[in-house]
Amino acid sequence: MGDPRGIGPEITAAVLPCAAAHTTVIGPGNLIASLQADRHVDLGPWDGGGEEPLRHAGLFTVRAVERAVELWKAGEVDAIVTAPGEKRAMHAAGYRFPGHTELLRDLTGAKRVAMMLASDRLRVVLVTTHLALREALSILTRERIEDVAATTREGLRAWFGIAEPRIALCALNPHAGEDGLFGYEEERTLAPAARAAGLIGPLPADTVFVRALKGEFDAVLAPYHDVGMTALKVASFGHGVNVTLGLPVPRTAPDHGTALDIAGKGLADHSSMRHAVETAAAIVRRRLTGS
């Protein structure tokens, strides 16, 4: 259910009547009790006692994910869908992960993971995720791009049934650097990585996503968080799904945050959460049937 202070519990409840799979819900007991009685609910008692609310919320968010991974390891679930968690709360609880992606990587023992935002119009994979822009640029190396490209290609083949993925690399600088006039990263880092990884590009950010929307590419690798997230959300907000590529278990999530300002007011749109459940179920079916 994600952060219990946010819209996670209500969007989870909203998708259960039309869920595309048998669902196991992990959440606070008082919220679970409001769900349909005939649903399969798995929850161990845990209420955090009298802990400070921010830390309490962070502890619950992480422990719920830990419980979900335990269920997967026990063979009781085939996929994990996470409602939004707040990174500030997770940090307050002592978990210094940038987000769910890195947390799940460590919990499952995955060697490398990548954060994909996907809709029926566009797929974007982030080469760097939740980092200050200055820090993100400092770790944007050829090796990192090649690793994310390999993870993306494997995920598109195994989870999305695309035999020969067409993957473009979004440039970092305006006009893809324009032969060094606006920066040398394309020439020195991005272009060699693209050649080594079999990517198309680097292509300017102001056109690569337009070309992808027209069907020219199966996915675009974005060098930093906001350039990729902005493109996806402008194209498909409310219909996008966060997919963690590289994990041994399919994991999806909605394309938005906790929305603390509207939680409990009946204003939350559960569309993205529904798409997240549907996407997880589709990946599992594809893995089971091989098609």
C-alpha atoms as a PDB file:
ATOM      1  CA  MET A   1       0.000   0.000   0.000  1.00  0.00           C
ATOM      2  CA  GLY A   2       2.980   2.357   0.123  1.00  0.00           C
ATOM      3  CA  ASP A   3       3.138   5.280   2.540  1.00  0.00           C
ATOM      4  CA  PRO A   4       0.005   5.006   4.749  1.00  0.00           C
ATOM      5  CA  ARG A   5      -0.246   8.807   4.923  1.00  0.00           C
ATOM      6  CA  GLY A   6      -0.567   9.137   1.146  1.00  0.00           C
ATOM      7  CA  ILE A   7      -3.000   8.009  -1.534  1.00  0.00           C
ATOM      8  CA  GLY A   8      -1.563   4.476  -1.687  1.00  0.00           C
ATOM      9  CA  PRO A   9      -4.233   2.837   0.478  1.00  0.00           C
ATOM     10  CA  GLU A  10      -7.142   4.402  -1.425  1.00  0.00           C
ATOM     11  CA  ILE A  11      -5.819   3.672  -4.923  1.00  0.00           C
ATOM     12  CA  THR A  12      -5.053   0.110  -3.800  1.00  0.00           C
ATOM     13  CA  ALA A  13      -8.611  -0.305  -2.561  1.00  0.00           C
ATOM     14  CA  ALA A  14      -9.970   1.169  -5.784  1.00  0.00           C
ATOM     15  CA  VAL A  15      -8.227  -1.345  -8.055  1.00  0.00           C
ATOM     16  CA  LEU A  16      -9.062  -4.493  -6.104  1.00  0.00           C
ATOM     17  CA  PRO A  17     -12.592  -4.986  -7.490  1.00  0.00           C
ATOM     18  CA  CYS A  18     -11.199  -5.027 -11.044  1.00  0.00           C
ATOM     19  CA  ALA A  19      -7.736  -6.467 -10.368  1.00  0.00           C
ATOM     20  CA  ALA A  20      -6.227  -8.459 -13.222  1.00  0.00           C
ATOM     21  CA  ALA A  21      -4.792 -11.050 -10.827  1.00  0.00           C
ATOM     22  CA  HIS A  22      -5.245 -12.720  -7.471  1.00  0.00           C
ATOM     23  CA  THR A  23      -3.958 -10.097  -5.052  1.00  0.00           C
ATOM     24  CA  THR A  24      -2.232 -10.234  -1.688  1.00  0.00           C
ATOM     25  CA  VAL A  25      -2.433  -6.863   0.047  1.00  0.00           C
ATOM     26  CA  ILE A  26       0.177  -5.740   2.562  1.00  0.00           C
ATOM     27  CA  GLY A  27      -0.866  -2.735   4.617  1.00  0.00           C
ATOM     28  CA  PRO A  28      -1.906  -1.394   8.022  1.00  0.00           C
ATOM     29  CA  GLY A  29      -4.587  -3.447   9.738  1.00  0.00           C
ATOM     30  CA  ASN A  30      -7.084  -0.608  10.048  1.00  0.00           C
ATOM     31  CA  LEU A  31      -6.871   0.062   6.314  1.00  0.00           C
ATOM     32  CA  ILE A  32      -6.944  -3.602   5.362  1.00  0.00           C
ATOM     33  CA  ALA A  33     -10.167  -4.014   7.313  1.00  0.00           C
ATOM     34  CA  SER A  34     -11.930  -1.627   4.941  1.00  0.00           C
ATOM     35  CA  LEU A  35     -11.205  -3.782   1.898  1.00  0.00           C
ATOM     36  CA  GLN A  36     -13.465  -6.490   0.538  1.00  0.00           C
ATOM     37  CA  ALA A  37     -13.685  -9.394   2.975  1.00  0.00           C
ATOM     38  CA  ASP A  38     -13.316 -12.039   0.284  1.00  0.00           C
ATOM     39  CA  ARG A  39      -9.917 -10.770  -0.848  1.00  0.00           C
ATOM     40  CA  HIS A  40      -6.765 -12.674   0.074  1.00  0.00           C
ATOM     41  CA  VAL A  41      -5.086 -10.422   2.630  1.00  0.00           C
ATOM     42  CA  ASP A  42      -1.671 -11.139   4.112  1.00  0.00           C
ATOM     43  CA  LEU A  43      -0.541  -8.905   6.977  1.00  0.00           C
ATOM     44  CA  GLY A  44       1.498  -9.494  10.072  1.00  0.00           C
ATOM     45  CA  PRO A  45       0.784  -7.180  13.041  1.00  0.00           C
ATOM     46  CA  TRP A  46       2.958  -4.076  12.905  1.00  0.00           C
ATOM     47  CA  ASP A  47       1.887  -0.597  13.914  1.00  0.00           C
ATOM     48  CA  GLY A  48       5.121   1.177  14.828  1.00  0.00           C
ATOM     49  CA  GLY A  49       3.942   2.061  18.301  1.00  0.00           C
ATOM     50  CA  GLY A  50       4.334   5.704  19.248  1.00  0.00           C
ATOM     51  CA  GLU A  51       7.067   6.531  16.752  1.00  0.00           C
ATOM     52  CA  GLU A  52       7.243   9.921  15.089  1.00  0.00           C
ATOM     53  CA  PRO A  53       4.858   9.909  12.057  1.00  0.00           C
ATOM     54  CA  LEU A  54       7.458  10.522   9.320  1.00  0.00           C
ATOM     55  CA  ARG A  55       9.773   7.785  10.544  1.00  0.00           C
ATOM     56  CA  HIS A  56       6.801   5.520  11.213  1.00  0.00           C
ATOM     57  CA  ALA A  57       5.620   5.933   7.621  1.00  0.00           C
ATOM     58  CA  GLY A  58       9.093   5.202   6.281  1.00  0.00           C
ATOM     59  CA  LEU A  59       9.444   2.078   8.385  1.00  0.00           C
ATOM     60  CA  PHE A  60       6.095   0.774   7.235  1.00  0.00           C
ATOM     61  CA  THR A  61       6.854   1.498   3.573  1.00  0.00           C
ATOM     62  CA  VAL A  62      10.132  -0.426   3.630  1.00  0.00           C
ATOM     63  CA  ARG A  63       8.923  -3.281   5.823  1.00  0.00           C
ATOM     64  CA  ALA A  64       5.940  -3.830   3.549  1.00  0.00           C
ATOM     65  CA  VAL A  65       8.300  -4.176   0.573  1.00  0.00           C
ATOM     66  CA  GLU A  66      10.475  -6.539   2.589  1.00  0.00           C
ATOM     67  CA  ARG A  67       7.390  -8.642   3.338  1.00  0.00           C
ATOM     68  CA  ALA A  68       6.445  -8.676  -0.334  1.00  0.00           C
ATOM     69  CA  VAL A  69       9.885  -9.979  -1.267  1.00  0.00           C
ATOM     70  CA  GLU A  70       9.585 -12.662   1.424  1.00  0.00           C
ATOM     71  CA  LEU A  71       6.299 -13.809  -0.127  1.00  0.00           C
ATOM     72  CA  TRP A  72       7.929 -13.950  -3.569  1.00  0.00           C
ATOM     73  CA  LYS A  73      10.879 -15.971  -2.250  1.00  0.00           C
ATOM     74  CA  ALA A  74       8.395 -18.371  -0.644  1.00  0.00           C
ATOM     75  CA  GLY A  75       6.646 -18.834  -3.988  1.00  0.00           C
ATOM     76  CA  GLU A  76       3.408 -17.250  -2.782  1.00  0.00           C
ATOM     77  CA  VAL A  77       3.346 -14.346  -5.247  1.00  0.00           C
ATOM     78  CA  ASP A  78       4.575 -13.971  -8.830  1.00  0.00           C
ATOM     79  CA  ALA A  79       4.954 -10.182  -8.985  1.00  0.00           C
ATOM     80  CA  ILE A  80       5.086  -7.111  -6.750  1.00  0.00           C
ATOM     81  CA  VAL A  81       3.182  -3.848  -7.224  1.00  0.00           C
ATOM     82  CA  THR A  82       4.173  -1.009  -4.919  1.00  0.00           C
ATOM     83  CA  ALA A  83       2.008   1.998  -4.188  1.00  0.00           C
ATOM     84  CA  PRO A  84       3.928   5.283  -3.755  1.00  0.00           C
ATOM     85  CA  GLY A  85       6.344   5.779  -0.894  1.00  0.00           C
ATOM     86  CA  GLU A  86       7.955   9.014   0.219  1.00  0.00           C
ATOM     87  CA  LYS A  87      11.754   8.995   0.023  1.00  0.00           C
ATOM     88  CA  ARG A  88      12.063  11.544   2.837  1.00  0.00           C
ATOM     89  CA  ALA A  89      10.154   9.186   5.159  1.00  0.00           C
ATOM     90  CA  MET A  90      12.298   6.227   4.125  1.00  0.00           C
ATOM     91  CA  HIS A  91      15.421   8.246   4.887  1.00  0.00           C
ATOM     92  CA  ALA A  92      13.986   9.317   8.251  1.00  0.00           C
ATOM     93  CA  ALA A  93      13.557   5.631   9.069  1.00  0.00           C
ATOM     94  CA  GLY A  94      17.231   5.006   8.339  1.00  0.00           C
ATOM     95  CA  TYR A  95      16.931   3.538   4.841  1.00  0.00           C
ATOM     96  CA  ARG A  96      19.251   5.562   2.597  1.00  0.00           C
ATOM     97  CA  PHE A  97      18.026   4.270  -0.730  1.00  0.00           C
ATOM     98  CA  PRO A  98      17.177   6.730  -3.524  1.00  0.00           C
ATOM     99  CA  GLY A  99      13.897   4.818  -3.951  1.00  0.00           C
ATOM    100  CA  HIS A 100      12.149   1.469  -4.326  1.00  0.00           C
ATOM    101  CA  THR A 101      14.326   0.498  -7.304  1.00  0.00           C
ATOM    102  CA  GLU A 102      17.548   0.309  -5.316  1.00  0.00           C
ATOM    103  CA  LEU A 103      15.802  -1.173  -2.267  1.00  0.00           C
ATOM    104  CA  LEU A 104      14.411  -4.037  -4.341  1.00  0.00           C
ATOM    105  CA  ARG A 105      17.771  -4.566  -6.026  1.00  0.00           C
ATOM    106  CA  ASP A 106      19.382  -5.228  -2.654  1.00  0.00           C
ATOM    107  CA  LEU A 107      16.510  -7.301  -1.270  1.00  0.00           C
ATOM    108  CA  THR A 108      16.453  -9.628  -4.296  1.00  0.00           C
ATOM    109  CA  GLY A 109      20.196  -9.759  -4.912  1.00  0.00           C
ATOM    110  CA  ALA A 110      19.870  -8.433  -8.460  1.00  0.00           C
ATOM    111  CA  LYS A 111      23.188  -7.559 -10.102  1.00  0.00           C
ATOM    112  CA  ARG A 112      21.903  -4.548 -11.998  1.00  0.00           C
ATOM    113  CA  VAL A 113      18.553  -2.841 -12.349  1.00  0.00           C
ATOM    114  CA  ALA A 114      17.063  -0.021 -14.382  1.00  0.00           C
ATOM    115  CA  MET A 115      14.023   2.201 -13.876  1.00  0.00           C
ATOM    116  CA  MET A 116      11.629   2.171 -16.824  1.00  0.00           C
ATOM    117  CA  LEU A 117       8.546   4.340 -17.215  1.00  0.00           C
ATOM    118  CA  ALA A 118       6.216   2.751 -19.737  1.00  0.00           C
ATOM    119  CA  SER A 119       2.873   3.477 -21.347  1.00  0.00           C
ATOM    120  CA  ASP A 120       1.149   2.378 -24.526  1.00  0.00           C
ATOM    121  CA  ARG A 121       2.791   5.372 -26.256  1.00  0.00           C
ATOM    122  CA  LEU A 122       6.315   5.561 -24.904  1.00  0.00           C
ATOM    123  CA  ARG A 123       8.982   3.707 -22.893  1.00  0.00           C
ATOM    124  CA  VAL A 124      11.725   5.661 -21.146  1.00  0.00           C
ATOM    125  CA  VAL A 125      14.586   4.159 -19.133  1.00  0.00           C
ATOM    126  CA  LEU A 126      16.617   6.339 -16.767  1.00  0.00           C
ATOM    127  CA  VAL A 127      20.396   6.020 -16.870  1.00  0.00           C
ATOM    128  CA  THR A 128      20.573   7.955 -13.571  1.00  0.00           C
ATOM    129  CA  THR A 129      17.643   8.178 -11.176  1.00  0.00           C
ATOM    130  CA  HIS A 130      16.958  10.164  -8.011  1.00  0.00           C
ATOM    131  CA  LEU A 131      20.081  12.269  -7.732  1.00  0.00           C
ATOM    132  CA  ALA A 132      20.928  15.944  -7.758  1.00  0.00           C
ATOM    133  CA  LEU A 133      21.660  16.925 -11.356  1.00  0.00           C
ATOM    134  CA  ARG A 134      25.298  17.748 -10.571  1.00  0.00           C
ATOM    135  CA  GLU A 135      25.782  14.302  -9.022  1.00  0.00           C
ATOM    136  CA  ALA A 136      23.938  12.540 -11.830  1.00  0.00           C
ATOM    137  CA  LEU A 137      26.222  14.077 -14.444  1.00  0.00           C
ATOM    138  CA  SER A 138      29.291  13.017 -12.488  1.00  0.00           C
ATOM    139  CA  ILE A 139      28.311   9.317 -12.715  1.00  0.00           C
ATOM    140  CA  LEU A 140      27.079   9.387 -16.323  1.00  0.00           C
ATOM    141  CA  THR A 141      29.832   7.140 -17.643  1.00  0.00           C
ATOM    142  CA  ARG A 142      30.155   4.967 -20.710  1.00  0.00           C
ATOM    143  CA  GLU A 143      30.052   1.867 -18.496  1.00  0.00           C
ATOM    144  CA  ARG A 144      26.837   2.970 -16.801  1.00  0.00           C
ATOM    145  CA  ILE A 145      25.120   3.642 -20.117  1.00  0.00           C
ATOM    146  CA  GLU A 146      26.200   0.254 -21.460  1.00  0.00           C
ATOM    147  CA  ASP A 147      24.920  -1.521 -18.331  1.00  0.00           C
ATOM    148  CA  VAL A 148      21.526   0.204 -18.498  1.00  0.00           C
ATOM    149  CA  ALA A 149      21.313  -0.547 -22.217  1.00  0.00           C
ATOM    150  CA  ALA A 150      21.962  -4.262 -21.607  1.00  0.00           C
ATOM    151  CA  THR A 151      19.381  -4.388 -18.810  1.00  0.00           C
ATOM    152  CA  THR A 152      16.855  -2.595 -21.004  1.00  0.00           C
ATOM    153  CA  ARG A 153      17.388  -4.915 -23.945  1.00  0.00           C
ATOM    154  CA  GLU A 154      17.024  -8.009 -21.755  1.00  0.00           C
ATOM    155  CA  GLY A 155      13.864  -6.618 -20.144  1.00  0.00           C
ATOM    156  CA  LEU A 156      12.218  -5.699 -23.427  1.00  0.00           C
ATOM    157  CA  ARG A 157      12.836  -9.188 -24.743  1.00  0.00           C
ATOM    158  CA  ALA A 158      11.844 -11.173 -21.661  1.00  0.00           C
ATOM    159  CA  TRP A 159       9.045  -9.038 -20.201  1.00  0.00           C
ATOM    160  CA  PHE A 160       7.630  -7.208 -23.216  1.00  0.00           C
ATOM    161  CA  GLY A 161       8.122  -9.817 -25.951  1.00  0.00           C
ATOM    162  CA  ILE A 162      10.196  -7.568 -28.247  1.00  0.00           C
ATOM    163  CA  ALA A 163      12.702  -9.853 -29.967  1.00  0.00           C
ATOM    164  CA  GLU A 164      14.940  -7.144 -31.449  1.00  0.00           C
ATOM    165  CA  PRO A 165      14.513  -3.951 -29.419  1.00  0.00           C
ATOM    166  CA  ARG A 166      15.214  -0.604 -31.073  1.00  0.00           C
ATOM    167  CA  ILE A 167      16.714   1.566 -28.342  1.00  0.00           C
ATOM    168  CA  ALA A 168      17.667   5.230 -28.706  1.00  0.00           C
ATOM    169  CA  LEU A 169      19.994   7.213 -26.443  1.00  0.00           C
ATOM    170  CA  CYS A 170      18.854  10.721 -25.549  1.00  0.00           C
ATOM    171  CA  ALA A 171      21.612  13.338 -25.649  1.00  0.00           C
ATOM    172  CA  LEU A 172      22.651  15.349 -22.619  1.00  0.00           C
ATOM    173  CA  ASN A 173      23.403  18.758 -24.125  1.00  0.00           C
ATOM    174  CA  PRO A 174      21.323  20.994 -26.422  1.00  0.00           C
ATOM    175  CA  HIS A 175      21.425  19.819 -30.051  1.00  0.00           C
ATOM    176  CA  ALA A 176      23.406  16.755 -28.893  1.00  0.00           C
ATOM    177  CA  GLY A 177      26.357  19.034 -28.216  1.00  0.00           C
ATOM    178  CA  GLU A 178      26.529  20.224 -31.837  1.00  0.00           C
ATOM    179  CA  ASP A 179      30.087  18.982 -32.450  1.00  0.00           C
ATOM    180  CA  GLY A 180      31.365  20.283 -29.131  1.00  0.00           C
ATOM    181  CA  LEU A 181      29.846  23.743 -29.394  1.00  0.00           C
ATOM    182  CA  PHE A 182      27.518  23.063 -26.442  1.00  0.00           C
ATOM    183  CA  GLY A 183      29.469  20.384 -24.618  1.00  0.00           C
ATOM    184  CA  TYR A 184      31.703  17.389 -25.210  1.00  0.00           C
ATOM    185  CA  GLU A 185      29.823  14.655 -23.329  1.00  0.00           C
ATOM    186  CA  GLU A 186      28.170  13.322 -26.475  1.00  0.00           C
ATOM    187  CA  GLU A 187      31.466  13.005 -28.329  1.00  0.00           C
ATOM    188  CA  ARG A 188      33.503  11.650 -25.420  1.00  0.00           C
ATOM    189  CA  THR A 189      31.008   9.512 -23.508  1.00  0.00           C
ATOM    190  CA  LEU A 190      27.552   9.038 -25.024  1.00  0.00           C
ATOM    191  CA  ALA A 191      28.500   8.279 -28.642  1.00  0.00           C
ATOM    192  CA  PRO A 192      31.132   5.630 -27.755  1.00  0.00           C
ATOM    193  CA  ALA A 193      28.656   4.024 -25.350  1.00  0.00           C
ATOM    194  CA  ALA A 194      25.950   4.000 -28.009  1.00  0.00           C
ATOM    195  CA  ARG A 195      28.248   2.325 -30.522  1.00  0.00           C
ATOM    196  CA  ALA A 196      29.370  -0.298 -28.027  1.00  0.00           C
ATOM    197  CA  ALA A 197      25.827  -1.064 -26.836  1.00  0.00           C
ATOM    198  CA  GLY A 198      24.112  -1.010 -30.226  1.00  0.00           C
ATOM    199  CA  LEU A 199      22.042   2.090 -29.452  1.00  0.00           C
ATOM    200  CA  ILE A 200      20.742   4.696 -31.865  1.00  0.00           C
ATOM    201  CA  GLY A 201      22.141   8.123 -31.071  1.00  0.00           C
ATOM    202  CA  PRO A 202      22.815  10.125 -29.036  1.00  0.00           C
ATOM    203  CA  LEU A 203      19.868  12.080 -30.396  1.00  0.00           C
ATOM    204  CA  PRO A 204      18.742  15.559 -29.251  1.00  0.00           C
ATOM    205  CA  ALA A 205      16.214  15.553 -26.393  1.00  0.00           C
ATOM    206  CA  ASP A 206      13.865  17.882 -28.254  1.00  0.00           C
ATOM    207  CA  THR A 207      13.280  15.329 -31.040  1.00  0.00           C
ATOM    208  CA  VAL A 208      14.112  11.828 -29.769  1.00  0.00           C
ATOM    209  CA  PHE A 209      10.907  11.452 -27.759  1.00  0.00           C
ATOM    210  CA  VAL A 210       8.800  12.732 -30.657  1.00  0.00           C
ATOM    211  CA  ARG A 211      10.338  10.093 -32.879  1.00  0.00           C
ATOM    212  CA  ALA A 212       9.694   7.435 -30.226  1.00  0.00           C
ATOM    213  CA  LEU A 213       6.048   8.491 -29.966  1.00  0.00           C
ATOM    214  CA  LYS A 214       5.774   7.938 -33.711  1.00  0.00           C
ATOM    215  CA  GLY A 215       6.947   4.353 -33.269  1.00  0.00           C
ATOM    216  CA  GLU A 216      10.549   4.668 -34.418  1.00  0.00           C
ATOM    217  CA  PHE A 217      12.021   3.287 -31.164  1.00  0.00           C
ATOM    218  CA  ASP A 218      10.897   0.716 -28.597  1.00  0.00           C
ATOM    219  CA  ALA A 219      12.554   2.641 -25.761  1.00  0.00           C
ATOM    220  CA  VAL A 220      14.639   5.736 -25.098  1.00  0.00           C
ATOM    221  CA  LEU A 221      17.465   5.882 -22.557  1.00  0.00           C
ATOM    222  CA  ALA A 222      17.386   9.220 -20.741  1.00  0.00           C
ATOM    223  CA  PRO A 223      20.656  10.503 -19.221  1.00  0.00           C
ATOM    224  CA  TYR A 224      19.031  12.069 -16.156  1.00  0.00           C
ATOM    225  CA  HIS A 225      15.749  11.850 -14.275  1.00  0.00           C
ATOM    226  CA  ASP A 226      13.753  14.891 -15.319  1.00  0.00           C
ATOM    227  CA  VAL A 227      14.362  14.784 -19.077  1.00  0.00           C
ATOM    228  CA  GLY A 228      12.946  11.251 -19.207  1.00  0.00           C
ATOM    229  CA  MET A 229      10.184  11.633 -16.639  1.00  0.00           C
ATOM    230  CA  THR A 230       8.926  14.871 -18.161  1.00  0.00           C
ATOM    231  CA  ALA A 231       8.618  13.296 -21.604  1.00  0.00           C
ATOM    232  CA  LEU A 232       6.727  10.276 -20.282  1.00  0.00           C
ATOM    233  CA  LYS A 233       4.384  12.257 -18.059  1.00  0.00           C
ATOM    234  CA  VAL A 234       3.539  14.834 -20.712  1.00  0.00           C
ATOM    235  CA  ALA A 235       2.745  12.002 -23.113  1.00  0.00           C
ATOM    236  CA  SER A 236       0.928   9.634 -20.762  1.00  0.00           C
ATOM    237  CA  PHE A 237       0.383  10.946 -17.237  1.00  0.00           C
ATOM    238  CA  GLY A 238      -2.035   8.710 -15.364  1.00  0.00           C
ATOM    239  CA  HIS A 239      -1.410   5.854 -17.782  1.00  0.00           C
ATOM    240  CA  GLY A 240       2.291   5.341 -17.190  1.00  0.00           C
ATOM    241  CA  VAL A 241       3.783   2.509 -15.160  1.00  0.00           C
ATOM    242  CA  ASN A 242       7.118   2.302 -13.373  1.00  0.00           C
ATOM    243  CA  VAL A 243       8.781  -1.042 -14.174  1.00  0.00           C
ATOM    244  CA  THR A 244      12.004  -2.146 -12.478  1.00  0.00           C
ATOM    245  CA  LEU A 245      14.012  -3.986 -15.120  1.00  0.00           C
ATOM    246  CA  GLY A 246      16.678  -6.474 -14.080  1.00  0.00           C
ATOM    247  CA  LEU A 247      14.940  -7.910 -11.021  1.00  0.00           C
ATOM    248  CA  PRO A 248      14.255 -11.652 -10.763  1.00  0.00           C
ATOM    249  CA  VAL A 249      10.633 -10.764  -9.887  1.00  0.00           C
ATOM    250  CA  PRO A 250       8.439  -8.386 -11.910  1.00  0.00           C
ATOM    251  CA  ARG A 251       7.854  -5.141  -9.998  1.00  0.00           C
ATOM    252  CA  THR A 252       5.655  -2.284 -11.125  1.00  0.00           C
ATOM    253  CA  ALA A 253       4.303   0.926  -9.602  1.00  0.00           C
ATOM    254  CA  PRO A 254       2.178   3.909 -10.622  1.00  0.00           C
ATOM    255  CA  ASP A 255       3.840   6.897 -12.293  1.00  0.00           C
ATOM    256  CA  HIS A 256       3.139   9.361  -9.474  1.00  0.00           C
ATOM    257  CA  GLY A 257       4.031  10.035  -5.856  1.00  0.00           C
ATOM    258  CA  THR A 258       2.250   9.921  -2.518  1.00  0.00           C
ATOM    259  CA  ALA A 259       0.133  13.062  -3.128  1.00  0.00           C
ATOM    260  CA  LEU A 260      -0.040  13.793   0.585  1.00  0.00           C
ATOM    261  CA  ASP A 261      -2.002  16.975  -0.080  1.00  0.00           C
ATOM    262  CA  ILE A 262      -5.053  15.120  -1.412  1.00  0.00           C
ATOM    263  CA  ALA A 263      -4.850  11.874   0.567  1.00  0.00           C
ATOM    264  CA  GLY A 264      -8.168  10.839   2.088  1.00  0.00           C
ATOM    265  CA  LYS A 265     -10.165  13.468   0.195  1.00  0.00           C
ATOM    266  CA  GLY A 266     -11.579  11.190  -2.477  1.00  0.00           C
ATOM    267  CA  LEU A 267      -9.654  12.998  -5.222  1.00  0.00           C
ATOM    268  CA  ALA A 268      -7.022  10.400  -6.087  1.00  0.00           C
ATOM    269  CA  ASP A 269      -7.076   8.901  -9.594  1.00  0.00           C
ATOM    270  CA  HIS A 270      -6.293   5.189  -9.472  1.00  0.00           C
ATOM    271  CA  SER A 271      -5.745   4.786 -13.235  1.00  0.00           C
ATOM    272  CA  SER A 272      -1.968   4.436 -13.052  1.00  0.00           C
ATOM    273  CA  MET A 273      -2.227   1.943 -10.181  1.00  0.00           C
ATOM    274  CA  ARG A 274      -4.645  -0.127 -12.254  1.00  0.00           C
ATOM    275  CA  HIS A 275      -2.228  -0.063 -15.186  1.00  0.00           C
ATOM    276  CA  ALA A 276       0.577  -1.113 -12.830  1.00  0.00           C
ATOM    277  CA  VAL A 277      -1.381  -4.186 -11.710  1.00  0.00           C
ATOM    278  CA  GLU A 278      -2.331  -5.023 -15.299  1.00  0.00           C
ATOM    279  CA  THR A 279       1.254  -4.672 -16.482  1.00  0.00           C
ATOM    280  CA  ALA A 280       2.574  -6.911 -13.701  1.00  0.00           C
ATOM    281  CA  ALA A 281      -0.030  -9.556 -14.542  1.00  0.00           C
ATOM    282  CA  ALA A 282       0.805  -9.351 -18.259  1.00  0.00           C
ATOM    283  CA  ILE A 283       4.528  -9.817 -17.580  1.00  0.00           C
ATOM    284  CA  VAL A 284       3.824 -12.874 -15.430  1.00  0.00           C
ATOM    285  CA  ARG A 285       1.578 -14.396 -18.090  1.00  0.00           C
ATOM    286  CA  ARG A 286       4.244 -13.804 -20.737  1.00  0.00           C
ATOM    287  CA  ARG A 287       6.886 -15.455 -18.565  1.00  0.00           C
ATOM    288  CA  LEU A 288       4.654 -18.441 -17.869  1.00  0.00           C
ATOM    289  CA  THR A 289       3.531 -18.964 -21.457  1.00  0.00           C
ATOM    290  CA  GLY A 290       6.689 -17.821 -23.236  1.00  0.00           C
ATOM    291  CA  SER A 291       4.716 -15.575 -25.570  1.00  0.00           C
END
